[in-house]
Amino acid sequence: MTLLITVFAALITTILWYFRKNDHAQLGMLCFMYWGAAIMWLVDAIFEYVDLQEAYFSPALEDMVNDAFLGLSVVALGMILWLVRLLVKDPLGTVKTALRKA
């Protein structure tokens, strides 16, 4: 479930990044974070399959809920890191302008 959630997040951000003409939002970094997480979960799934064999394809409901929560947590953490970086870099100068007005 973690692999599925992070792959969907990576695909969505990659599509958004690809079709944007200007990358002021710096979606490229978010893409790389999600693809890195997806590769990490893919390696984890391979090793778990080697360990469990056929039992890998019939997980318990509790394990699926835990994996889904972990996957959503990873996606949320990636979004938080991306937002912090975006606010610090401030490519359009909106934070700087808002602070000068205050």
PDB file of N, CA and C in Angstrom:
ATOM      1  N   MET A   1       0.817  -1.184   0.000  1.00  0.00           N
ATOM      2  CA  MET A   1       0.000   0.000   0.000  1.00  0.00           C
ATOM      3  C   MET A   1       0.869   1.259   0.000  1.00  0.00           C
ATOM      4  N   THR A   2       1.975   1.224   0.721  1.00  0.00           N
ATOM      5  CA  THR A   2       2.874   2.377   0.728  1.00  0.00           C
ATOM      6  C   THR A   2       3.447   2.606  -0.665  1.00  0.00           C
ATOM      7  N   LEU A   3       3.801   1.527  -1.336  1.00  0.00           N
ATOM      8  CA  LEU A   3       4.338   1.648  -2.692  1.00  0.00           C
ATOM      9  C   LEU A   3       3.298   2.251  -3.628  1.00  0.00           C
ATOM     10  N   LEU A   4       2.085   1.787  -3.551  1.00  0.00           N
ATOM     11  CA  LEU A   4       1.015   2.278  -4.415  1.00  0.00           C
ATOM     12  C   LEU A   4       0.741   3.759  -4.183  1.00  0.00           C
ATOM     13  N   ILE A   5       0.673   4.172  -2.942  1.00  0.00           N
ATOM     14  CA  ILE A   5       0.385   5.574  -2.619  1.00  0.00           C
ATOM     15  C   ILE A   5       1.512   6.484  -3.097  1.00  0.00           C
ATOM     16  N   THR A   6       2.754   6.096  -2.863  1.00  0.00           N
ATOM     17  CA  THR A   6       3.868   6.953  -3.277  1.00  0.00           C
ATOM     18  C   THR A   6       4.039   6.973  -4.794  1.00  0.00           C
ATOM     19  N   VAL A   7       3.747   5.872  -5.464  1.00  0.00           N
ATOM     20  CA  VAL A   7       3.823   5.873  -6.933  1.00  0.00           C
ATOM     21  C   VAL A   7       2.758   6.796  -7.510  1.00  0.00           C
ATOM     22  N   PHE A   8       1.539   6.756  -6.969  1.00  0.00           N
ATOM     23  CA  PHE A   8       0.499   7.671  -7.444  1.00  0.00           C
ATOM     24  C   PHE A   8       0.892   9.130  -7.180  1.00  0.00           C
ATOM     25  N   ALA A   9       1.442   9.406  -6.018  1.00  0.00           N
ATOM     26  CA  ALA A   9       1.891  10.773  -5.721  1.00  0.00           C
ATOM     27  C   ALA A   9       3.003  11.192  -6.680  1.00  0.00           C
ATOM     28  N   ALA A  10       3.923  10.286  -6.966  1.00  0.00           N
ATOM     29  CA  ALA A  10       5.018  10.593  -7.884  1.00  0.00           C
ATOM     30  C   ALA A  10       4.496  10.822  -9.298  1.00  0.00           C
ATOM     31  N   LEU A  11       3.559  10.007  -9.732  1.00  0.00           N
ATOM     32  CA  LEU A  11       2.997  10.179 -11.077  1.00  0.00           C
ATOM     33  C   LEU A  11       2.244  11.500 -11.199  1.00  0.00           C
ATOM     34  N   ILE A  12       1.454  11.821 -10.215  1.00  0.00           N
ATOM     35  CA  ILE A  12       0.675  13.064 -10.261  1.00  0.00           C
ATOM     36  C   ILE A  12       1.600  14.279 -10.279  1.00  0.00           C
ATOM     37  N   THR A  13       2.597  14.300  -9.412  1.00  0.00           N
ATOM     38  CA  THR A  13       3.503  15.457  -9.384  1.00  0.00           C
ATOM     39  C   THR A  13       4.354  15.525 -10.647  1.00  0.00           C
ATOM     40  N   THR A  14       4.717  14.383 -11.204  1.00  0.00           N
ATOM     41  CA  THR A  14       5.494  14.386 -12.443  1.00  0.00           C
ATOM     42  C   THR A  14       4.664  14.942 -13.590  1.00  0.00           C
ATOM     43  N   ILE A  15       3.404  14.546 -13.676  1.00  0.00           N
ATOM     44  CA  ILE A  15       2.529  15.077 -14.727  1.00  0.00           C
ATOM     45  C   ILE A  15       2.339  16.575 -14.555  1.00  0.00           C
ATOM     46  N   LEU A  16       2.114  17.019 -13.323  1.00  0.00           N
ATOM     47  CA  LEU A  16       1.971  18.455 -13.078  1.00  0.00           C
ATOM     48  C   LEU A  16       3.245  19.211 -13.436  1.00  0.00           C
ATOM     49  N   TRP A  17       4.397  18.655 -13.065  1.00  0.00           N
ATOM     50  CA  TRP A  17       5.676  19.295 -13.361  1.00  0.00           C
ATOM     51  C   TRP A  17       5.925  19.353 -14.864  1.00  0.00           C
ATOM     52  N   TYR A  18       5.588  18.294 -15.571  1.00  0.00           N
ATOM     53  CA  TYR A  18       5.878  18.214 -17.000  1.00  0.00           C
ATOM     54  C   TYR A  18       5.052  19.212 -17.806  1.00  0.00           C
ATOM     55  N   PHE A  19       3.802  19.412 -17.437  1.00  0.00           N
ATOM     56  CA  PHE A  19       2.931  20.265 -18.225  1.00  0.00           C
ATOM     57  C   PHE A  19       2.943  21.736 -17.795  1.00  0.00           C
ATOM     58  N   ARG A  20       3.694  22.066 -16.769  1.00  0.00           N
ATOM     59  CA  ARG A  20       3.819  23.478 -16.384  1.00  0.00           C
ATOM     60  C   ARG A  20       4.913  24.115 -17.219  1.00  0.00           C
ATOM     61  N   LYS A  21       4.630  25.292 -17.760  1.00  0.00           N
ATOM     62  CA  LYS A  21       5.621  25.975 -18.605  1.00  0.00           C
ATOM     63  C   LYS A  21       6.758  26.553 -17.766  1.00  0.00           C
ATOM     64  N   ASN A  22       6.434  27.133 -16.627  1.00  0.00           N
ATOM     65  CA  ASN A  22       7.459  27.665 -15.733  1.00  0.00           C
ATOM     66  C   ASN A  22       7.393  26.879 -14.421  1.00  0.00           C
ATOM     67  N   ASP A  23       8.516  26.680 -13.835  1.00  0.00           N
ATOM     68  CA  ASP A  23       8.557  25.869 -12.612  1.00  0.00           C
ATOM     69  C   ASP A  23       8.810  26.756 -11.398  1.00  0.00           C
ATOM     70  N   HIS A  24       8.001  27.790 -11.237  1.00  0.00           N
ATOM     71  CA  HIS A  24       8.141  28.643 -10.064  1.00  0.00           C
ATOM     72  C   HIS A  24       7.811  27.874  -8.790  1.00  0.00           C
ATOM     73  N   ALA A  25       6.933  26.878  -8.904  1.00  0.00           N
ATOM     74  CA  ALA A  25       6.548  26.091  -7.722  1.00  0.00           C
ATOM     75  C   ALA A  25       7.597  25.047  -7.364  1.00  0.00           C
ATOM     76  N   GLN A  26       8.592  24.872  -8.210  1.00  0.00           N
ATOM     77  CA  GLN A  26       9.683  23.925  -7.969  1.00  0.00           C
ATOM     78  C   GLN A  26       9.154  22.512  -7.703  1.00  0.00           C
ATOM     79  N   LEU A  27       8.273  22.063  -8.600  1.00  0.00           N
ATOM     80  CA  LEU A  27       7.705  20.725  -8.465  1.00  0.00           C
ATOM     81  C   LEU A  27       8.715  19.632  -8.750  1.00  0.00           C
ATOM     82  N   GLY A  28       9.811  19.974  -9.407  1.00  0.00           N
ATOM     83  CA  GLY A  28      10.835  18.970  -9.702  1.00  0.00           C
ATOM     84  C   GLY A  28      11.391  18.315  -8.449  1.00  0.00           C
ATOM     85  N   MET A  29      11.615  19.117  -7.422  1.00  0.00           N
ATOM     86  CA  MET A  29      12.125  18.557  -6.170  1.00  0.00           C
ATOM     87  C   MET A  29      11.113  17.606  -5.541  1.00  0.00           C
ATOM     88  N   LEU A  30       9.838  17.972  -5.602  1.00  0.00           N
ATOM     89  CA  LEU A  30       8.793  17.111  -5.061  1.00  0.00           C
ATOM     90  C   LEU A  30       8.715  15.799  -5.841  1.00  0.00           C
ATOM     91  N   CYS A  31       8.871  15.877  -7.150  1.00  0.00           N
ATOM     92  CA  CYS A  31       8.900  14.662  -7.978  1.00  0.00           C
ATOM     93  C   CYS A  31      10.024  13.737  -7.540  1.00  0.00           C
ATOM     94  N   PHE A  32      11.215  14.303  -7.388  1.00  0.00           N
ATOM     95  CA  PHE A  32      12.360  13.472  -6.992  1.00  0.00           C
ATOM     96  C   PHE A  32      12.164  12.850  -5.612  1.00  0.00           C
ATOM     97  N   MET A  33      11.573  13.592  -4.691  1.00  0.00           N
ATOM     98  CA  MET A  33      11.327  13.020  -3.360  1.00  0.00           C
ATOM     99  C   MET A  33      10.352  11.859  -3.445  1.00  0.00           C
ATOM    100  N   TYR A  34       9.269  12.021  -4.203  1.00  0.00           N
ATOM    101  CA  TYR A  34       8.278  10.953  -4.301  1.00  0.00           C
ATOM    102  C   TYR A  34       8.807   9.756  -5.088  1.00  0.00           C
ATOM    103  N   TRP A  35       9.565  10.003  -6.154  1.00  0.00           N
ATOM    104  CA  TRP A  35      10.138   8.863  -6.884  1.00  0.00           C
ATOM    105  C   TRP A  35      11.176   8.139  -6.030  1.00  0.00           C
ATOM    106  N   GLY A  36      11.932   8.870  -5.230  1.00  0.00           N
ATOM    107  CA  GLY A  36      12.869   8.221  -4.317  1.00  0.00           C
ATOM    108  C   GLY A  36      12.162   7.359  -3.290  1.00  0.00           C
ATOM    109  N   ALA A  37      11.054   7.869  -2.755  1.00  0.00           N
ATOM    110  CA  ALA A  37      10.261   7.079  -1.799  1.00  0.00           C
ATOM    111  C   ALA A  37       9.667   5.857  -2.483  1.00  0.00           C
ATOM    112  N   ALA A  38       9.213   6.017  -3.730  1.00  0.00           N
ATOM    113  CA  ALA A  38       8.634   4.882  -4.452  1.00  0.00           C
ATOM    114  C   ALA A  38       9.680   3.802  -4.714  1.00  0.00           C
ATOM    115  N   ILE A  39      10.889   4.211  -5.056  1.00  0.00           N
ATOM    116  CA  ILE A  39      11.962   3.227  -5.263  1.00  0.00           C
ATOM    117  C   ILE A  39      12.299   2.527  -3.953  1.00  0.00           C
ATOM    118  N   MET A  40      12.320   3.288  -2.868  1.00  0.00           N
ATOM    119  CA  MET A  40      12.588   2.685  -1.563  1.00  0.00           C
ATOM    120  C   MET A  40      11.527   1.642  -1.224  1.00  0.00           C
ATOM    121  N   TRP A  41      10.243   1.966  -1.433  1.00  0.00           N
ATOM    122  CA  TRP A  41       9.169   1.015  -1.133  1.00  0.00           C
ATOM    123  C   TRP A  41       9.185  -0.166  -2.095  1.00  0.00           C
ATOM    124  N   LEU A  42       9.644   0.037  -3.337  1.00  0.00           N
ATOM    125  CA  LEU A  42       9.758  -1.079  -4.273  1.00  0.00           C
ATOM    126  C   LEU A  42      10.802  -2.078  -3.798  1.00  0.00           C
ATOM    127  N   VAL A  43      11.939  -1.573  -3.353  1.00  0.00           N
ATOM    128  CA  VAL A  43      12.976  -2.470  -2.815  1.00  0.00           C
ATOM    129  C   VAL A  43      12.462  -3.185  -1.575  1.00  0.00           C
ATOM    130  N   ASP A  44      11.744  -2.475  -0.728  1.00  0.00           N
ATOM    131  CA  ASP A  44      11.154  -3.087   0.463  1.00  0.00           C
ATOM    132  C   ASP A  44      10.164  -4.178   0.074  1.00  0.00           C
ATOM    133  N   ALA A  45       9.336  -3.926  -0.943  1.00  0.00           N
ATOM    134  CA  ALA A  45       8.358  -4.923  -1.385  1.00  0.00           C
ATOM    135  C   ALA A  45       9.039  -6.155  -1.953  1.00  0.00           C
ATOM    136  N   ILE A  46      10.121  -5.965  -2.671  1.00  0.00           N
ATOM    137  CA  ILE A  46      10.853  -7.113  -3.229  1.00  0.00           C
ATOM    138  C   ILE A  46      11.404  -7.987  -2.113  1.00  0.00           C
ATOM    139  N   PHE A  47      12.037  -7.365  -1.130  1.00  0.00           N
ATOM    140  CA  PHE A  47      12.596  -8.149  -0.034  1.00  0.00           C
ATOM    141  C   PHE A  47      11.506  -8.795   0.817  1.00  0.00           C
ATOM    142  N   GLU A  48      10.376  -8.113   0.976  1.00  0.00           N
ATOM    143  CA  GLU A  48       9.271  -8.701   1.725  1.00  0.00           C
ATOM    144  C   GLU A  48       8.670  -9.876   0.957  1.00  0.00           C
ATOM    145  N   TYR A  49       8.596  -9.775  -0.359  1.00  0.00           N
ATOM    146  CA  TYR A  49       8.084 -10.892  -1.158  1.00  0.00           C
ATOM    147  C   TYR A  49       9.010 -12.093  -1.064  1.00  0.00           C
ATOM    148  N   VAL A  50      10.311 -11.847  -1.101  1.00  0.00           N
ATOM    149  CA  VAL A  50      11.269 -12.949  -0.973  1.00  0.00           C
ATOM    150  C   VAL A  50      11.105 -13.642   0.375  1.00  0.00           C
ATOM    151  N   ASP A  51      10.799 -12.872   1.393  1.00  0.00           N
ATOM    152  CA  ASP A  51      10.638 -13.429   2.732  1.00  0.00           C
ATOM    153  C   ASP A  51       9.316 -14.171   2.901  1.00  0.00           C
ATOM    154  N   LEU A  52       8.205 -13.615   2.375  1.00  0.00           N
ATOM    155  CA  LEU A  52       6.880 -14.167   2.650  1.00  0.00           C
ATOM    156  C   LEU A  52       6.337 -15.082   1.555  1.00  0.00           C
ATOM    157  N   GLN A  53       6.844 -14.982   0.341  1.00  0.00           N
ATOM    158  CA  GLN A  53       6.358 -15.738  -0.827  1.00  0.00           C
ATOM    159  C   GLN A  53       4.877 -15.468  -1.092  1.00  0.00           C
ATOM    160  N   GLU A  54       4.025 -16.505  -1.092  1.00  0.00           N
ATOM    161  CA  GLU A  54       2.606 -16.324  -1.443  1.00  0.00           C
ATOM    162  C   GLU A  54       1.845 -15.508  -0.399  1.00  0.00           C
ATOM    163  N   ALA A  55       2.270 -15.546   0.840  1.00  0.00           N
ATOM    164  CA  ALA A  55       1.583 -14.800   1.903  1.00  0.00           C
ATOM    165  C   ALA A  55       1.661 -13.290   1.667  1.00  0.00           C
ATOM    166  N   TYR A  56       2.579 -12.855   0.820  1.00  0.00           N
ATOM    167  CA  TYR A  56       2.720 -11.433   0.521  1.00  0.00           C
ATOM    168  C   TYR A  56       1.453 -10.872  -0.133  1.00  0.00           C
ATOM    169  N   PHE A  57       0.761 -11.699  -0.906  1.00  0.00           N
ATOM    170  CA  PHE A  57      -0.397 -11.229  -1.661  1.00  0.00           C
ATOM    171  C   PHE A  57      -1.708 -11.302  -0.886  1.00  0.00           C
ATOM    172  N   SER A  58      -1.675 -11.747   0.349  1.00  0.00           N
ATOM    173  CA  SER A  58      -2.891 -11.770   1.168  1.00  0.00           C
ATOM    174  C   SER A  58      -2.599 -11.189   2.554  1.00  0.00           C
ATOM    175  N   PRO A  59      -2.360  -9.871   2.614  1.00  0.00           N
ATOM    176  CA  PRO A  59      -2.041  -9.260   3.907  1.00  0.00           C
ATOM    177  C   PRO A  59      -3.296  -9.121   4.772  1.00  0.00           C
ATOM    178  N   ALA A  60      -3.081  -9.019   6.053  1.00  0.00           N
ATOM    179  CA  ALA A  60      -4.176  -8.786   6.988  1.00  0.00           C
ATOM    180  C   ALA A  60      -4.668  -7.347   6.844  1.00  0.00           C
ATOM    181  N   LEU A  61      -5.918  -7.129   7.206  1.00  0.00           N
ATOM    182  CA  LEU A  61      -6.507  -5.796   7.101  1.00  0.00           C
ATOM    183  C   LEU A  61      -5.741  -4.784   7.943  1.00  0.00           C
ATOM    184  N   GLU A  62      -5.320  -5.195   9.121  1.00  0.00           N
ATOM    185  CA  GLU A  62      -4.560  -4.295  10.003  1.00  0.00           C
ATOM    186  C   GLU A  62      -3.249  -3.870   9.351  1.00  0.00           C
ATOM    187  N   ASP A  63      -2.572  -4.800   8.677  1.00  0.00           N
ATOM    188  CA  ASP A  63      -1.320  -4.457   7.991  1.00  0.00           C
ATOM    189  C   ASP A  63      -1.571  -3.489   6.838  1.00  0.00           C
ATOM    190  N   MET A  64      -2.675  -3.683   6.130  1.00  0.00           N
ATOM    191  CA  MET A  64      -2.992  -2.784   5.018  1.00  0.00           C
ATOM    192  C   MET A  64      -3.303  -1.372   5.515  1.00  0.00           C
ATOM    193  N   VAL A  65      -4.009  -1.268   6.626  1.00  0.00           N
ATOM    194  CA  VAL A  65      -4.320   0.050   7.192  1.00  0.00           C
ATOM    195  C   VAL A  65      -3.044   0.727   7.680  1.00  0.00           C
ATOM    196  N   ASN A  66      -2.167  -0.024   8.333  1.00  0.00           N
ATOM    197  CA  ASN A  66      -0.895   0.536   8.788  1.00  0.00           C
ATOM    198  C   ASN A  66      -0.042   1.004   7.614  1.00  0.00           C
ATOM    199  N   ASP A  67       0.004   0.206   6.547  1.00  0.00           N
ATOM    200  CA  ASP A  67       0.776   0.589   5.369  1.00  0.00           C
ATOM    201  C   ASP A  67       0.181   1.820   4.691  1.00  0.00           C
ATOM    202  N   ALA A  68      -1.142   1.895   4.634  1.00  0.00           N
ATOM    203  CA  ALA A  68      -1.792   3.061   4.035  1.00  0.00           C
ATOM    204  C   ALA A  68      -1.489   4.314   4.852  1.00  0.00           C
ATOM    205  N   PHE A  69      -1.539   4.202   6.162  1.00  0.00           N
ATOM    206  CA  PHE A  69      -1.230   5.344   7.022  1.00  0.00           C
ATOM    207  C   PHE A  69       0.224   5.775   6.836  1.00  0.00           C
ATOM    208  N   LEU A  70       1.134   4.812   6.732  1.00  0.00           N
ATOM    209  CA  LEU A  70       2.542   5.131   6.515  1.00  0.00           C
ATOM    210  C   LEU A  70       2.744   5.801   5.158  1.00  0.00           C
ATOM    211  N   GLY A  71       2.069   5.300   4.132  1.00  0.00           N
ATOM    212  CA  GLY A  71       2.191   5.901   2.807  1.00  0.00           C
ATOM    213  C   GLY A  71       1.673   7.328   2.782  1.00  0.00           C
ATOM    214  N   LEU A  72       0.532   7.563   3.405  1.00  0.00           N
ATOM    215  CA  LEU A  72      -0.014   8.920   3.467  1.00  0.00           C
ATOM    216  C   LEU A  72       0.874   9.839   4.297  1.00  0.00           C
ATOM    217  N   SER A  73       1.489   9.298   5.340  1.00  0.00           N
ATOM    218  CA  SER A  73       2.407  10.093   6.157  1.00  0.00           C
ATOM    219  C   SER A  73       3.636  10.501   5.360  1.00  0.00           C
ATOM    220  N   VAL A  74       4.148   9.599   4.537  1.00  0.00           N
ATOM    221  CA  VAL A  74       5.310   9.910   3.701  1.00  0.00           C
ATOM    222  C   VAL A  74       4.962  10.989   2.687  1.00  0.00           C
ATOM    223  N   VAL A  75       3.794  10.879   2.075  1.00  0.00           N
ATOM    224  CA  VAL A  75       3.364  11.892   1.108  1.00  0.00           C
ATOM    225  C   VAL A  75       3.183  13.242   1.804  1.00  0.00           C
ATOM    226  N   ALA A  76       2.590  13.247   2.976  1.00  0.00           N
ATOM    227  CA  ALA A  76       2.398  14.496   3.723  1.00  0.00           C
ATOM    228  C   ALA A  76       3.733  15.104   4.134  1.00  0.00           C
ATOM    229  N   LEU A  77       4.661  14.285   4.590  1.00  0.00           N
ATOM    230  CA  LEU A  77       5.978  14.803   4.966  1.00  0.00           C
ATOM    231  C   LEU A  77       6.699  15.385   3.761  1.00  0.00           C
ATOM    232  N   GLY A  78       6.585  14.743   2.619  1.00  0.00           N
ATOM    233  CA  GLY A  78       7.176  15.291   1.400  1.00  0.00           C
ATOM    234  C   GLY A  78       6.588  16.635   1.042  1.00  0.00           C
ATOM    235  N   MET A  79       5.263  16.764   1.190  1.00  0.00           N
ATOM    236  CA  MET A  79       4.610  18.045   0.905  1.00  0.00           C
ATOM    237  C   MET A  79       5.079  19.128   1.875  1.00  0.00           C
ATOM    238  N   ILE A  80       5.236  18.773   3.147  1.00  0.00           N
ATOM    239  CA  ILE A  80       5.687  19.755   4.146  1.00  0.00           C
ATOM    240  C   ILE A  80       7.102  20.218   3.830  1.00  0.00           C
ATOM    241  N   LEU A  81       7.996  19.281   3.514  1.00  0.00           N
ATOM    242  CA  LEU A  81       9.370  19.657   3.169  1.00  0.00           C
ATOM    243  C   LEU A  81       9.416  20.530   1.921  1.00  0.00           C
ATOM    244  N   TRP A  82       8.580  20.196   0.930  1.00  0.00           N
ATOM    245  CA  TRP A  82       8.514  20.977  -0.300  1.00  0.00           C
ATOM    246  C   TRP A  82       8.003  22.388  -0.011  1.00  0.00           C
ATOM    247  N   LEU A  83       6.968  22.504   0.821  1.00  0.00           N
ATOM    248  CA  LEU A  83       6.439  23.831   1.153  1.00  0.00           C
ATOM    249  C   LEU A  83       7.450  24.676   1.920  1.00  0.00           C
ATOM    250  N   VAL A  84       8.172  24.059   2.854  1.00  0.00           N
ATOM    251  CA  VAL A  84       9.193  24.805   3.603  1.00  0.00           C
ATOM    252  C   VAL A  84      10.272  25.307   2.658  1.00  0.00           C
ATOM    253  N   ARG A  85      10.717  24.434   1.759  1.00  0.00           N
ATOM    254  CA  ARG A  85      11.746  24.849   0.790  1.00  0.00           C
ATOM    255  C   ARG A  85      11.217  25.947  -0.120  1.00  0.00           C
ATOM    256  N   LEU A  86       9.970  25.828  -0.533  1.00  0.00           N
ATOM    257  CA  LEU A  86       9.373  26.840  -1.402  1.00  0.00           C
ATOM    258  C   LEU A  86       9.278  28.183  -0.689  1.00  0.00           C
ATOM    259  N   LEU A  87       8.914  28.169   0.583  1.00  0.00           N
ATOM    260  CA  LEU A  87       8.827  29.421   1.338  1.00  0.00           C
ATOM    261  C   LEU A  87      10.206  30.029   1.594  1.00  0.00           C
ATOM    262  N   VAL A  88      11.204  29.188   1.805  1.00  0.00           N
ATOM    263  CA  VAL A  88      12.550  29.700   2.046  1.00  0.00           C
ATOM    264  C   VAL A  88      13.148  30.264   0.759  1.00  0.00           C
ATOM    265  N   LYS A  89      13.014  29.540  -0.352  1.00  0.00           N
ATOM    266  CA  LYS A  89      13.556  30.004  -1.636  1.00  0.00           C
ATOM    267  C   LYS A  89      12.784  31.219  -2.158  1.00  0.00           C
ATOM    268  N   ASP A  90      11.460  31.210  -2.009  1.00  0.00           N
ATOM    269  CA  ASP A  90      10.578  32.310  -2.412  1.00  0.00           C
ATOM    270  C   ASP A  90      10.885  32.782  -3.839  1.00  0.00           C
ATOM    271  N   PRO A  91      10.625  31.924  -4.845  1.00  0.00           N
ATOM    272  CA  PRO A  91      11.018  32.265  -6.212  1.00  0.00           C
ATOM    273  C   PRO A  91      10.287  33.472  -6.799  1.00  0.00           C
ATOM    274  N   LEU A  92       9.087  33.756  -6.380  1.00  0.00           N
ATOM    275  CA  LEU A  92       8.353  34.921  -6.912  1.00  0.00           C
ATOM    276  C   LEU A  92       8.451  36.132  -6.008  1.00  0.00           C
ATOM    277  N   GLY A  93       9.075  36.010  -4.859  1.00  0.00           N
ATOM    278  CA  GLY A  93       9.254  37.127  -3.950  1.00  0.00           C
ATOM    279  C   GLY A  93       7.999  37.517  -3.187  1.00  0.00           C
ATOM    280  N   THR A  94       7.018  36.644  -3.096  1.00  0.00           N
ATOM    281  CA  THR A  94       5.764  36.986  -2.420  1.00  0.00           C
ATOM    282  C   THR A  94       5.943  37.069  -0.891  1.00  0.00           C
ATOM    283  N   VAL A  95       6.770  36.202  -0.336  1.00  0.00           N
ATOM    284  CA  VAL A  95       6.988  36.252   1.120  1.00  0.00           C
ATOM    285  C   VAL A  95       7.766  37.533   1.470  1.00  0.00           C
ATOM    286  N   LYS A  96       8.755  37.865   0.667  1.00  0.00           N
ATOM    287  CA  LYS A  96       9.538  39.071   0.898  1.00  0.00           C
ATOM    288  C   LYS A  96       8.649  40.316   0.815  1.00  0.00           C
ATOM    289  N   THR A  97       7.756  40.343  -0.166  1.00  0.00           N
ATOM    290  CA  THR A  97       6.833  41.472  -0.318  1.00  0.00           C
ATOM    291  C   THR A  97       5.874  41.565   0.861  1.00  0.00           C
ATOM    292  N   ALA A  98       5.367  40.430   1.304  1.00  0.00           N
ATOM    293  CA  ALA A  98       4.437  40.430   2.434  1.00  0.00           C
ATOM    294  C   ALA A  98       5.126  40.882   3.712  1.00  0.00           C
ATOM    295  N   LEU A  99       6.382  40.499   3.901  1.00  0.00           N
ATOM    296  CA  LEU A  99       7.107  40.910   5.102  1.00  0.00           C
ATOM    297  C   LEU A  99       7.450  42.403   5.066  1.00  0.00           C
ATOM    298  N   ARG A 100       7.687  42.945   3.893  1.00  0.00           N
ATOM    299  CA  ARG A 100       7.982  44.387   3.797  1.00  0.00           C
ATOM    300  C   ARG A 100       6.760  45.242   4.094  1.00  0.00           C
ATOM    301  N   LYS A 101       5.570  44.726   3.726  1.00  0.00           N
ATOM    302  CA  LYS A 101       4.335  45.474   3.976  1.00  0.00           C
ATOM    303  C   LYS A 101       3.990  45.510   5.463  1.00  0.00           C
ATOM    304  N   ALA A 102       4.414  44.503   6.187  1.00  0.00           N
ATOM    305  CA  ALA A 102       4.051  44.410   7.608  1.00  0.00           C
ATOM    306  C   ALA A 102       4.825  45.344   8.476  1.00  0.00           C
TER     307      ALA A 102
END
